[in-house]
């Protein structure tokens, strides 16, 4: 393990939940920012899909 000596300073019973909490918080924050700062994510989550364009037949 690259940071094996870390567990000599921080107990694994404290460090592991702290790391898992930090990763969960970061993931939640990224997803929250995506929802707040884009328009297409809100539409996608609400189920509104863009209407497909239908090509007309060429005039003869």
PDB file of N, CA and C in Angstrom:
ATOM      1  N   UNK A   1       0.847  -1.166   0.000  1.00  0.00           N
ATOM      2  CA  UNK A   1       0.000   0.000   0.000  1.00  0.00           C
ATOM      3  C   UNK A   1       0.898   1.236   0.000  1.00  0.00           C
ATOM      4  N   UNK A   2       0.570   2.187  -0.828  1.00  0.00           N
ATOM      5  CA  UNK A   2       1.423   3.360  -0.980  1.00  0.00           C
ATOM      6  C   UNK A   2       1.400   4.255   0.266  1.00  0.00           C
ATOM      7  N   UNK A   3       0.272   4.307   0.949  1.00  0.00           N
ATOM      8  CA  UNK A   3       0.150   5.145   2.148  1.00  0.00           C
ATOM      9  C   UNK A   3      -0.028   4.277   3.385  1.00  0.00           C
ATOM     10  N   UNK A   4       0.735   3.227   3.481  1.00  0.00           N
ATOM     11  CA  UNK A   4       0.612   2.306   4.600  1.00  0.00           C
ATOM     12  C   UNK A   4       0.926   2.926   5.945  1.00  0.00           C
ATOM     13  N   UNK A   5       1.849   3.890   5.969  1.00  0.00           N
ATOM     14  CA  UNK A   5       2.215   4.532   7.238  1.00  0.00           C
ATOM     15  C   UNK A   5       1.134   5.483   7.736  1.00  0.00           C
ATOM     16  N   UNK A   6       0.176   5.811   6.883  1.00  0.00           N
ATOM     17  CA  UNK A   6      -0.915   6.694   7.294  1.00  0.00           C
ATOM     18  C   UNK A   6      -1.675   6.092   8.468  1.00  0.00           C
ATOM     19  N   UNK A   7      -1.832   4.766   8.464  1.00  0.00           N
ATOM     20  CA  UNK A   7      -2.615   4.118   9.499  1.00  0.00           C
ATOM     21  C   UNK A   7      -1.869   4.045  10.827  1.00  0.00           C
ATOM     22  N   UNK A   8      -0.589   4.454  10.852  1.00  0.00           N
ATOM     23  CA  UNK A   8       0.125   4.591  12.118  1.00  0.00           C
ATOM     24  C   UNK A   8      -0.253   5.911  12.805  1.00  0.00           C
ATOM     25  N   UNK A   9      -0.751   6.859  12.029  1.00  0.00           N
ATOM     26  CA  UNK A   9      -1.126   8.174  12.546  1.00  0.00           C
ATOM     27  C   UNK A   9      -2.627   8.254  12.781  1.00  0.00           C
ATOM     28  N   UNK A  10      -3.408   7.731  11.826  1.00  0.00           N
ATOM     29  CA  UNK A  10      -4.859   7.789  11.891  1.00  0.00           C
ATOM     30  C   UNK A  10      -5.386   6.366  12.039  1.00  0.00           C
ATOM     31  N   UNK A  11      -6.264   6.164  13.013  1.00  0.00           N
ATOM     32  CA  UNK A  11      -6.856   4.841  13.196  1.00  0.00           C
ATOM     33  C   UNK A  11      -7.727   4.496  11.995  1.00  0.00           C
ATOM     34  N   UNK A  12      -7.678   3.258  11.516  1.00  0.00           N
ATOM     35  CA  UNK A  12      -8.562   2.868  10.414  1.00  0.00           C
ATOM     36  C   UNK A  12     -10.044   3.015  10.760  1.00  0.00           C
ATOM     37  N   UNK A  13     -10.400   2.892  12.021  1.00  0.00           N
ATOM     38  CA  UNK A  13     -11.802   3.047  12.408  1.00  0.00           C
ATOM     39  C   UNK A  13     -12.279   4.489  12.259  1.00  0.00           C
ATOM     40  N   UNK A  14     -11.351   5.425  12.158  1.00  0.00           N
ATOM     41  CA  UNK A  14     -11.692   6.833  11.929  1.00  0.00           C
ATOM     42  C   UNK A  14     -11.439   7.191  10.468  1.00  0.00           C
ATOM     43  N   UNK A  15     -10.324   6.756   9.923  1.00  0.00           N
ATOM     44  CA  UNK A  15      -9.907   7.151   8.578  1.00  0.00           C
ATOM     45  C   UNK A  15     -10.773   6.597   7.466  1.00  0.00           C
ATOM     46  N   UNK A  16     -11.152   5.328   7.558  1.00  0.00           N
ATOM     47  CA  UNK A  16     -11.933   4.722   6.482  1.00  0.00           C
ATOM     48  C   UNK A  16     -13.320   5.359   6.366  1.00  0.00           C
ATOM     49  N   UNK A  17     -14.068   5.530   7.464  1.00  0.00           N
ATOM     50  CA  UNK A  17     -15.356   6.235   7.325  1.00  0.00           C
ATOM     51  C   UNK A  17     -15.191   7.679   6.854  1.00  0.00           C
ATOM     52  N   UNK A  18     -14.117   8.321   7.243  1.00  0.00           N
ATOM     53  CA  UNK A  18     -13.861   9.689   6.800  1.00  0.00           C
ATOM     54  C   UNK A  18     -13.630   9.747   5.291  1.00  0.00           C
ATOM     55  N   UNK A  19     -12.857   8.807   4.771  1.00  0.00           N
ATOM     56  CA  UNK A  19     -12.598   8.760   3.327  1.00  0.00           C
ATOM     57  C   UNK A  19     -13.890   8.455   2.573  1.00  0.00           C
ATOM     58  N   UNK A  20     -14.669   7.483   3.057  1.00  0.00           N
ATOM     59  CA  UNK A  20     -15.921   7.134   2.387  1.00  0.00           C
ATOM     60  C   UNK A  20     -16.888   8.308   2.408  1.00  0.00           C
ATOM     61  N   UNK A  21     -16.949   9.032   3.522  1.00  0.00           N
ATOM     62  CA  UNK A  21     -17.817  10.206   3.616  1.00  0.00           C
ATOM     63  C   UNK A  21     -17.362  11.299   2.656  1.00  0.00           C
ATOM     64  N   UNK A  22     -16.063  11.514   2.540  1.00  0.00           N
ATOM     65  CA  UNK A  22     -15.541  12.535   1.630  1.00  0.00           C
ATOM     66  C   UNK A  22     -15.863  12.196   0.175  1.00  0.00           C
ATOM     67  N   UNK A  23     -15.733  10.935  -0.196  1.00  0.00           N
ATOM     68  CA  UNK A  23     -16.045  10.523  -1.566  1.00  0.00           C
ATOM     69  C   UNK A  23     -17.540  10.683  -1.834  1.00  0.00           C
ATOM     70  N   UNK A  24     -18.377  10.296  -0.891  1.00  0.00           N
ATOM     71  CA  UNK A  24     -19.823  10.444  -1.063  1.00  0.00           C
ATOM     72  C   UNK A  24     -20.218  11.908  -1.180  1.00  0.00           C
ATOM     73  N   UNK A  25     -19.637  12.768  -0.363  1.00  0.00           N
ATOM     74  CA  UNK A  25     -19.934  14.197  -0.417  1.00  0.00           C
ATOM     75  C   UNK A  25     -19.491  14.789  -1.753  1.00  0.00           C
ATOM     76  N   UNK A  26     -18.308  14.424  -2.222  1.00  0.00           N
ATOM     77  CA  UNK A  26     -17.803  14.942  -3.499  1.00  0.00           C
ATOM     78  C   UNK A  26     -18.700  14.489  -4.647  1.00  0.00           C
ATOM     79  N   UNK A  27     -19.111  13.242  -4.638  1.00  0.00           N
ATOM     80  CA  UNK A  27     -19.982  12.731  -5.688  1.00  0.00           C
ATOM     81  C   UNK A  27     -21.332  13.449  -5.679  1.00  0.00           C
ATOM     82  N   UNK A  28     -21.915  13.618  -4.501  1.00  0.00           N
ATOM     83  CA  UNK A  28     -23.185  14.328  -4.392  1.00  0.00           C
ATOM     84  C   UNK A  28     -23.052  15.763  -4.893  1.00  0.00           C
ATOM     85  N   UNK A  29     -21.944  16.415  -4.538  1.00  0.00           N
ATOM     86  CA  UNK A  29     -21.729  17.794  -4.955  1.00  0.00           C
ATOM     87  C   UNK A  29     -21.607  17.907  -6.475  1.00  0.00           C
ATOM     88  N   UNK A  30     -20.905  16.984  -7.106  1.00  0.00           N
ATOM     89  CA  UNK A  30     -20.758  17.010  -8.564  1.00  0.00           C
ATOM     90  C   UNK A  30     -22.124  16.840  -9.229  1.00  0.00           C
ATOM     91  N   UNK A  31     -22.915  15.894  -8.743  1.00  0.00           N
ATOM     92  CA  UNK A  31     -24.226  15.675  -9.336  1.00  0.00           C
ATOM     93  C   UNK A  31     -25.161  16.860  -9.091  1.00  0.00           C
ATOM     94  N   UNK A  32     -25.091  17.446  -7.930  1.00  0.00           N
ATOM     95  CA  UNK A  32     -25.911  18.621  -7.643  1.00  0.00           C
ATOM     96  C   UNK A  32     -25.550  19.777  -8.570  1.00  0.00           C
ATOM     97  N   UNK A  33     -24.273  19.992  -8.806  1.00  0.00           N
ATOM     98  CA  UNK A  33     -23.851  21.065  -9.700  1.00  0.00           C
ATOM     99  C   UNK A  33     -24.280  20.795 -11.137  1.00  0.00           C
ATOM    100  N   UNK A  34     -24.270  19.533 -11.560  1.00  0.00           N
ATOM    101  CA  UNK A  34     -24.758  19.206 -12.897  1.00  0.00           C
ATOM    102  C   UNK A  34     -26.238  19.546 -13.038  1.00  0.00           C
ATOM    103  N   UNK A  35     -27.015  19.218 -12.036  1.00  0.00           N
ATOM    104  CA  UNK A  35     -28.450  19.498 -12.098  1.00  0.00           C
ATOM    105  C   UNK A  35     -28.698  21.006 -12.068  1.00  0.00           C
ATOM    106  N   UNK A  36     -27.949  21.733 -11.275  1.00  0.00           N
ATOM    107  CA  UNK A  36     -28.174  23.175 -11.134  1.00  0.00           C
ATOM    108  C   UNK A  36     -27.655  23.998 -12.303  1.00  0.00           C
ATOM    109  N   UNK A  37     -26.617  23.525 -12.979  1.00  0.00           N
ATOM    110  CA  UNK A  37     -25.954  24.366 -13.981  1.00  0.00           C
ATOM    111  C   UNK A  37     -26.192  23.936 -15.415  1.00  0.00           C
ATOM    112  N   UNK A  38     -27.029  22.952 -15.652  1.00  0.00           N
ATOM    113  CA  UNK A  38     -27.343  22.558 -17.022  1.00  0.00           C
ATOM    114  C   UNK A  38     -28.854  22.542 -17.192  1.00  0.00           C
ATOM    115  N   UNK A  39     -29.295  22.703 -18.412  1.00  0.00           N
ATOM    116  CA  UNK A  39     -30.732  22.672 -18.671  1.00  0.00           C
ATOM    117  C   UNK A  39     -31.191  21.294 -19.114  1.00  0.00           C
ATOM    118  N   UNK A  40     -30.338  20.552 -19.780  1.00  0.00           N
ATOM    119  CA  UNK A  40     -30.759  19.270 -20.338  1.00  0.00           C
ATOM    120  C   UNK A  40     -30.919  18.188 -19.273  1.00  0.00           C
ATOM    121  N   UNK A  41     -30.183  18.274 -18.149  1.00  0.00           N
ATOM    122  CA  UNK A  41     -30.301  17.236 -17.122  1.00  0.00           C
ATOM    123  C   UNK A  41     -31.688  17.284 -16.481  1.00  0.00           C
ATOM    124  N   UNK A  42     -32.180  18.487 -16.185  1.00  0.00           N
ATOM    125  CA  UNK A  42     -33.514  18.608 -15.591  1.00  0.00           C
ATOM    126  C   UNK A  42     -34.572  18.047 -16.531  1.00  0.00           C
ATOM    127  N   UNK A  43     -34.464  18.363 -17.806  1.00  0.00           N
ATOM    128  CA  UNK A  43     -35.413  17.838 -18.781  1.00  0.00           C
ATOM    129  C   UNK A  43     -35.322  16.332 -18.903  1.00  0.00           C
ATOM    130  N   UNK A  44     -34.127  15.809 -18.885  1.00  0.00           N
ATOM    131  CA  UNK A  44     -33.930  14.360 -18.971  1.00  0.00           C
ATOM    132  C   UNK A  44     -34.522  13.658 -17.763  1.00  0.00           C
ATOM    133  N   UNK A  45     -34.302  14.210 -16.574  1.00  0.00           N
ATOM    134  CA  UNK A  45     -34.822  13.581 -15.370  1.00  0.00           C
ATOM    135  C   UNK A  45     -36.346  13.683 -15.278  1.00  0.00           C
ATOM    136  N   UNK A  46     -36.925  14.693 -15.902  1.00  0.00           N
ATOM    137  CA  UNK A  46     -38.376  14.837 -15.910  1.00  0.00           C
ATOM    138  C   UNK A  46     -39.027  13.992 -16.995  1.00  0.00           C
ATOM    139  N   UNK A  47     -38.230  13.413 -17.875  1.00  0.00           N
ATOM    140  CA  UNK A  47     -38.756  12.529 -18.908  1.00  0.00           C
ATOM    141  C   UNK A  47     -39.150  13.224 -20.185  1.00  0.00           C
ATOM    142  N   UNK A  48     -38.789  14.478 -20.357  1.00  0.00           N
ATOM    143  CA  UNK A  48     -39.128  15.156 -21.599  1.00  0.00           C
ATOM    144  C   UNK A  48     -38.013  14.939 -22.614  1.00  0.00           C
ATOM    145  N   UNK A  49     -38.335  14.205 -23.635  1.00  0.00           N
ATOM    146  CA  UNK A  49     -37.371  13.939 -24.700  1.00  0.00           C
ATOM    147  C   UNK A  49     -37.669  14.883 -25.861  1.00  0.00           C
ATOM    148  N   UNK A  50     -36.649  15.275 -26.590  1.00  0.00           N
ATOM    149  CA  UNK A  50     -36.911  16.139 -27.743  1.00  0.00           C
ATOM    150  C   UNK A  50     -37.711  15.371 -28.799  1.00  0.00           C
ATOM    151  N   UNK A  51     -38.572  16.082 -29.487  1.00  0.00           N
ATOM    152  CA  UNK A  51     -39.402  15.461 -30.522  1.00  0.00           C
ATOM    153  C   UNK A  51     -38.534  15.224 -31.748  1.00  0.00           C
ATOM    154  N   UNK A  52     -38.607  14.024 -32.278  1.00  0.00           N
ATOM    155  CA  UNK A  52     -37.810  13.690 -33.456  1.00  0.00           C
ATOM    156  C   UNK A  52     -38.356  14.422 -34.668  1.00  0.00           C
ATOM    157  N   UNK A  53     -37.479  14.957 -35.481  1.00  0.00           N
ATOM    158  CA  UNK A  53     -37.874  15.642 -36.689  1.00  0.00           C
ATOM    159  C   UNK A  53     -38.248  14.605 -37.749  1.00  0.00           C
ATOM    160  N   UNK A  54     -39.340  14.870 -38.469  1.00  0.00           N
ATOM    161  CA  UNK A  54     -39.789  13.967 -39.509  1.00  0.00           C
ATOM    162  C   UNK A  54     -39.477  14.629 -40.853  1.00  0.00           C
ATOM    163  N   UNK A  55     -38.764  13.880 -41.690  1.00  0.00           N
ATOM    164  CA  UNK A  55     -38.413  14.412 -43.016  1.00  0.00           C
ATOM    165  C   UNK A  55     -39.623  14.303 -43.938  1.00  0.00           C
ATOM    166  N   UNK A  56     -39.874  15.362 -44.668  1.00  0.00           N
ATOM    167  CA  UNK A  56     -40.981  15.358 -45.623  1.00  0.00           C
ATOM    168  C   UNK A  56     -40.512  14.718 -46.936  1.00  0.00           C
ATOM    169  N   UNK A  57     -41.462  14.177 -47.652  1.00  0.00           N
ATOM    170  CA  UNK A  57     -41.130  13.602 -48.954  1.00  0.00           C
ATOM    171  C   UNK A  57     -40.764  14.731 -49.914  1.00  0.00           C
ATOM    172  N   UNK A  58     -39.750  14.484 -50.743  1.00  0.00           N
ATOM    173  CA  UNK A  58     -39.411  15.526 -51.716  1.00  0.00           C
ATOM    174  C   UNK A  58     -40.532  15.699 -52.761  1.00  0.00           C
ATOM    175  N   UNK A  59     -40.716  16.927 -53.200  1.00  0.00           N
ATOM    176  CA  UNK A  59     -41.751  17.211 -54.208  1.00  0.00           C
ATOM    177  C   UNK A  59     -41.360  16.587 -55.536  1.00  0.00           C
ATOM    178  N   UNK A  60     -42.360  16.023 -56.261  1.00  0.00           N
ATOM    179  CA  UNK A  60     -42.080  15.377 -57.549  1.00  0.00           C
ATOM    180  C   UNK A  60     -42.337  16.299 -58.676  1.00  0.00           C
TER     181      UNK A  60
END
